[in-house]
Amino acid sequence: MSDETIIKETYDINEETLQPTLHKMDIKDEMKKRAYDLAVESMRKFSVEKDIADYIKDRFDQLFLPSWQCIAGNHI
């Protein structure tokens, strides 16, 4: 487990090009992959950062038992 930043490909969502980036993770590699996939999925469903974070947190609570934290936001 490590806390490196993972940056993958960009996605066109709602006519906007977005690139999910995961930071500060102390989780197993398979969980990192799931977090990234959930980030993309949530960005397709929601446009408000709080809704994106809530969606990812709720899914992680269901998949890997509570209690998780998630922060989503714009980073420039």
N, C-alpha and C. Protein backbone atom coordinates (compact mmCIF):
# COMPACT_ATOMS: atom_id res chain seq x y z
N MET A 1 0.84 -1.18 0.00
CA MET A 1 0.00 0.00 0.00
C MET A 1 0.88 1.24 0.00
N SER A 2 0.41 2.26 -0.68
CA SER A 2 1.19 3.49 -0.74
C SER A 2 0.25 4.67 -0.86
N ASP A 3 0.81 5.87 -0.82
CA ASP A 3 -0.03 7.05 -0.91
C ASP A 3 0.28 7.88 -2.15
N GLU A 4 0.85 7.24 -3.18
CA GLU A 4 1.18 7.97 -4.38
C GLU A 4 -0.09 8.42 -5.10
N THR A 5 0.07 9.40 -5.95
CA THR A 5 -1.05 9.90 -6.74
C THR A 5 -1.20 9.01 -7.97
N ILE A 6 -2.43 8.65 -8.28
CA ILE A 6 -2.71 7.87 -9.49
C ILE A 6 -3.46 8.78 -10.44
N ILE A 7 -2.93 8.93 -11.64
CA ILE A 7 -3.61 9.71 -12.67
C ILE A 7 -3.75 8.80 -13.88
N LYS A 8 -4.96 8.69 -14.38
CA LYS A 8 -5.20 7.87 -15.56
C LYS A 8 -5.73 8.74 -16.68
N GLU A 9 -6.40 8.12 -17.63
CA GLU A 9 -6.85 8.83 -18.81
C GLU A 9 -7.94 9.85 -18.52
N THR A 10 -8.18 10.71 -19.49
CA THR A 10 -9.23 11.72 -19.36
C THR A 10 -10.54 11.17 -19.92
N TYR A 11 -11.63 11.77 -19.47
CA TYR A 11 -12.96 11.38 -19.92
C TYR A 11 -13.74 12.61 -20.32
N ASP A 12 -14.51 12.49 -21.37
CA ASP A 12 -15.41 13.56 -21.77
C ASP A 12 -16.76 13.27 -21.13
N ILE A 13 -17.15 14.12 -20.19
CA ILE A 13 -18.40 13.96 -19.47
C ILE A 13 -19.14 15.28 -19.52
N ASN A 14 -20.38 15.23 -20.01
CA ASN A 14 -21.20 16.43 -20.10
C ASN A 14 -20.48 17.55 -20.84
N GLU A 15 -19.88 17.22 -21.98
CA GLU A 15 -19.16 18.17 -22.83
C GLU A 15 -17.98 18.82 -22.13
N GLU A 16 -17.45 18.20 -21.12
CA GLU A 16 -16.30 18.71 -20.40
C GLU A 16 -15.29 17.58 -20.26
N THR A 17 -14.03 17.89 -20.47
CA THR A 17 -12.99 16.88 -20.32
C THR A 17 -12.52 16.87 -18.87
N LEU A 18 -12.66 15.71 -18.24
CA LEU A 18 -12.30 15.55 -16.84
C LEU A 18 -11.28 14.45 -16.67
N GLN A 19 -10.44 14.60 -15.68
CA GLN A 19 -9.44 13.59 -15.39
C GLN A 19 -9.46 13.30 -13.89
N PRO A 20 -10.12 12.22 -13.49
CA PRO A 20 -10.13 11.88 -12.06
C PRO A 20 -8.70 11.61 -11.58
N THR A 21 -8.38 12.13 -10.41
CA THR A 21 -7.09 11.91 -9.79
C THR A 21 -7.32 11.49 -8.35
N LEU A 22 -6.70 10.42 -7.95
CA LEU A 22 -6.84 9.94 -6.58
C LEU A 22 -5.59 10.33 -5.80
N HIS A 23 -5.79 10.84 -4.58
CA HIS A 23 -4.67 11.28 -3.75
C HIS A 23 -4.75 10.62 -2.38
N LYS A 24 -3.60 10.48 -1.75
CA LYS A 24 -3.50 10.09 -0.34
C LYS A 24 -4.33 8.86 0.00
N MET A 25 -3.92 7.75 -0.55
CA MET A 25 -4.64 6.51 -0.31
C MET A 25 -3.76 5.53 0.45
N ASP A 26 -4.32 4.96 1.46
CA ASP A 26 -3.63 3.89 2.19
C ASP A 26 -4.52 2.66 2.09
N ILE A 27 -4.70 2.20 0.85
CA ILE A 27 -5.58 1.07 0.59
C ILE A 27 -4.91 0.12 -0.40
N LYS A 28 -5.46 -1.07 -0.50
CA LYS A 28 -4.91 -2.08 -1.40
C LYS A 28 -5.13 -1.68 -2.85
N ASP A 29 -4.30 -2.24 -3.73
CA ASP A 29 -4.37 -1.88 -5.14
C ASP A 29 -5.74 -2.13 -5.77
N GLU A 30 -6.39 -3.25 -5.43
CA GLU A 30 -7.71 -3.53 -6.01
C GLU A 30 -8.73 -2.50 -5.55
N MET A 31 -8.56 -1.96 -4.35
CA MET A 31 -9.46 -0.92 -3.85
C MET A 31 -9.18 0.40 -4.56
N LYS A 32 -7.93 0.66 -4.92
CA LYS A 32 -7.59 1.86 -5.69
C LYS A 32 -8.29 1.82 -7.04
N LYS A 33 -8.26 0.66 -7.68
CA LYS A 33 -8.93 0.52 -8.98
C LYS A 33 -10.42 0.77 -8.83
N ARG A 34 -11.02 0.21 -7.80
CA ARG A 34 -12.45 0.40 -7.56
C ARG A 34 -12.75 1.88 -7.28
N ALA A 35 -11.91 2.54 -6.51
CA ALA A 35 -12.11 3.96 -6.21
C ALA A 35 -12.06 4.79 -7.49
N TYR A 36 -11.11 4.48 -8.37
CA TYR A 36 -11.01 5.22 -9.62
C TYR A 36 -12.25 5.00 -10.48
N ASP A 37 -12.68 3.75 -10.60
CA ASP A 37 -13.87 3.44 -11.39
C ASP A 37 -15.11 4.15 -10.82
N LEU A 38 -15.22 4.17 -9.50
CA LEU A 38 -16.35 4.87 -8.88
C LEU A 38 -16.27 6.38 -9.09
N ALA A 39 -15.06 6.92 -9.12
CA ALA A 39 -14.90 8.36 -9.39
C ALA A 39 -15.43 8.69 -10.78
N VAL A 40 -15.05 7.89 -11.76
CA VAL A 40 -15.54 8.12 -13.13
C VAL A 40 -17.06 7.98 -13.18
N GLU A 41 -17.57 6.90 -12.58
CA GLU A 41 -19.02 6.65 -12.57
C GLU A 41 -19.78 7.80 -11.90
N SER A 42 -19.28 8.27 -10.77
CA SER A 42 -19.98 9.34 -10.05
C SER A 42 -19.91 10.66 -10.81
N MET A 43 -18.81 10.91 -11.51
CA MET A 43 -18.69 12.15 -12.29
C MET A 43 -19.63 12.14 -13.49
N ARG A 44 -19.98 10.96 -13.96
CA ARG A 44 -20.97 10.87 -15.04
C ARG A 44 -22.38 11.14 -14.51
N LYS A 45 -22.64 10.81 -13.25
CA LYS A 45 -23.97 10.95 -12.67
C LYS A 45 -24.22 12.30 -12.04
N PHE A 46 -23.18 12.91 -11.46
CA PHE A 46 -23.36 14.12 -10.65
C PHE A 46 -22.42 15.22 -11.10
N SER A 47 -22.80 16.46 -10.82
CA SER A 47 -21.93 17.60 -11.14
C SER A 47 -21.48 18.35 -9.89
N VAL A 48 -22.10 18.07 -8.76
CA VAL A 48 -21.77 18.73 -7.50
C VAL A 48 -20.78 17.83 -6.74
N GLU A 49 -19.67 18.44 -6.28
CA GLU A 49 -18.62 17.67 -5.62
C GLU A 49 -19.13 16.89 -4.41
N LYS A 50 -20.03 17.48 -3.63
CA LYS A 50 -20.56 16.78 -2.46
C LYS A 50 -21.29 15.51 -2.87
N ASP A 51 -22.06 15.56 -3.94
CA ASP A 51 -22.78 14.39 -4.43
C ASP A 51 -21.81 13.32 -4.93
N ILE A 52 -20.75 13.74 -5.59
CA ILE A 52 -19.72 12.81 -6.07
C ILE A 52 -19.07 12.10 -4.89
N ALA A 53 -18.66 12.87 -3.89
CA ALA A 53 -18.01 12.29 -2.71
C ALA A 53 -18.96 11.37 -1.95
N ASP A 54 -20.21 11.78 -1.79
CA ASP A 54 -21.20 10.95 -1.08
C ASP A 54 -21.40 9.62 -1.80
N TYR A 55 -21.47 9.66 -3.12
CA TYR A 55 -21.67 8.44 -3.90
C TYR A 55 -20.51 7.46 -3.70
N ILE A 56 -19.28 7.97 -3.81
CA ILE A 56 -18.10 7.12 -3.64
C ILE A 56 -18.04 6.57 -2.22
N LYS A 57 -18.27 7.42 -1.24
CA LYS A 57 -18.24 6.99 0.17
C LYS A 57 -19.29 5.91 0.44
N ASP A 58 -20.52 6.13 -0.05
CA ASP A 58 -21.59 5.16 0.17
C ASP A 58 -21.26 3.81 -0.47
N ARG A 59 -20.73 3.82 -1.67
CA ARG A 59 -20.37 2.57 -2.35
C ARG A 59 -19.24 1.86 -1.60
N PHE A 60 -18.24 2.61 -1.12
CA PHE A 60 -17.15 1.98 -0.36
C PHE A 60 -17.67 1.42 0.96
N ASP A 61 -18.60 2.12 1.60
CA ASP A 61 -19.21 1.59 2.83
C ASP A 61 -19.91 0.26 2.56
N GLN A 62 -20.59 0.15 1.42
CA GLN A 62 -21.28 -1.09 1.06
C GLN A 62 -20.30 -2.20 0.70
N LEU A 63 -19.28 -1.86 -0.05
CA LEU A 63 -18.36 -2.87 -0.57
C LEU A 63 -17.32 -3.33 0.45
N PHE A 64 -16.83 -2.41 1.26
CA PHE A 64 -15.67 -2.70 2.12
C PHE A 64 -15.94 -2.42 3.60
N LEU A 65 -17.20 -2.35 3.95
CA LEU A 65 -17.66 -2.11 5.33
C LEU A 65 -17.37 -0.68 5.77
N PRO A 66 -18.26 -0.12 6.58
CA PRO A 66 -18.11 1.26 7.01
C PRO A 66 -16.91 1.38 7.94
N SER A 67 -16.33 2.44 8.04
CA SER A 67 -16.75 3.75 7.65
C SER A 67 -15.62 4.41 6.87
N TRP A 68 -15.96 4.95 5.70
CA TRP A 68 -14.99 5.56 4.80
C TRP A 68 -15.21 7.06 4.73
N GLN A 69 -14.17 7.75 4.28
CA GLN A 69 -14.26 9.19 4.04
C GLN A 69 -13.87 9.44 2.59
N CYS A 70 -14.50 10.42 1.98
CA CYS A 70 -14.16 10.78 0.62
C CYS A 70 -14.34 12.28 0.45
N ILE A 71 -13.38 12.90 -0.19
CA ILE A 71 -13.46 14.32 -0.51
C ILE A 71 -13.31 14.44 -2.01
N ALA A 72 -14.23 15.15 -2.64
CA ALA A 72 -14.16 15.39 -4.07
C ALA A 72 -14.14 16.88 -4.30
N GLY A 73 -13.29 17.31 -5.22
CA GLY A 73 -13.23 18.74 -5.50
C GLY A 73 -12.40 19.03 -6.73
N ASN A 74 -12.47 20.25 -7.12
CA ASN A 74 -11.70 20.72 -8.26
C ASN A 74 -10.28 21.00 -7.83
N HIS A 75 -9.35 20.52 -8.55
CA HIS A 75 -7.94 20.78 -8.22
C HIS A 75 -7.26 21.29 -9.48
N ILE A 76 -6.69 22.44 -9.36
CA ILE A 76 -6.08 23.09 -10.53
C ILE A 76 -4.58 23.14 -10.34
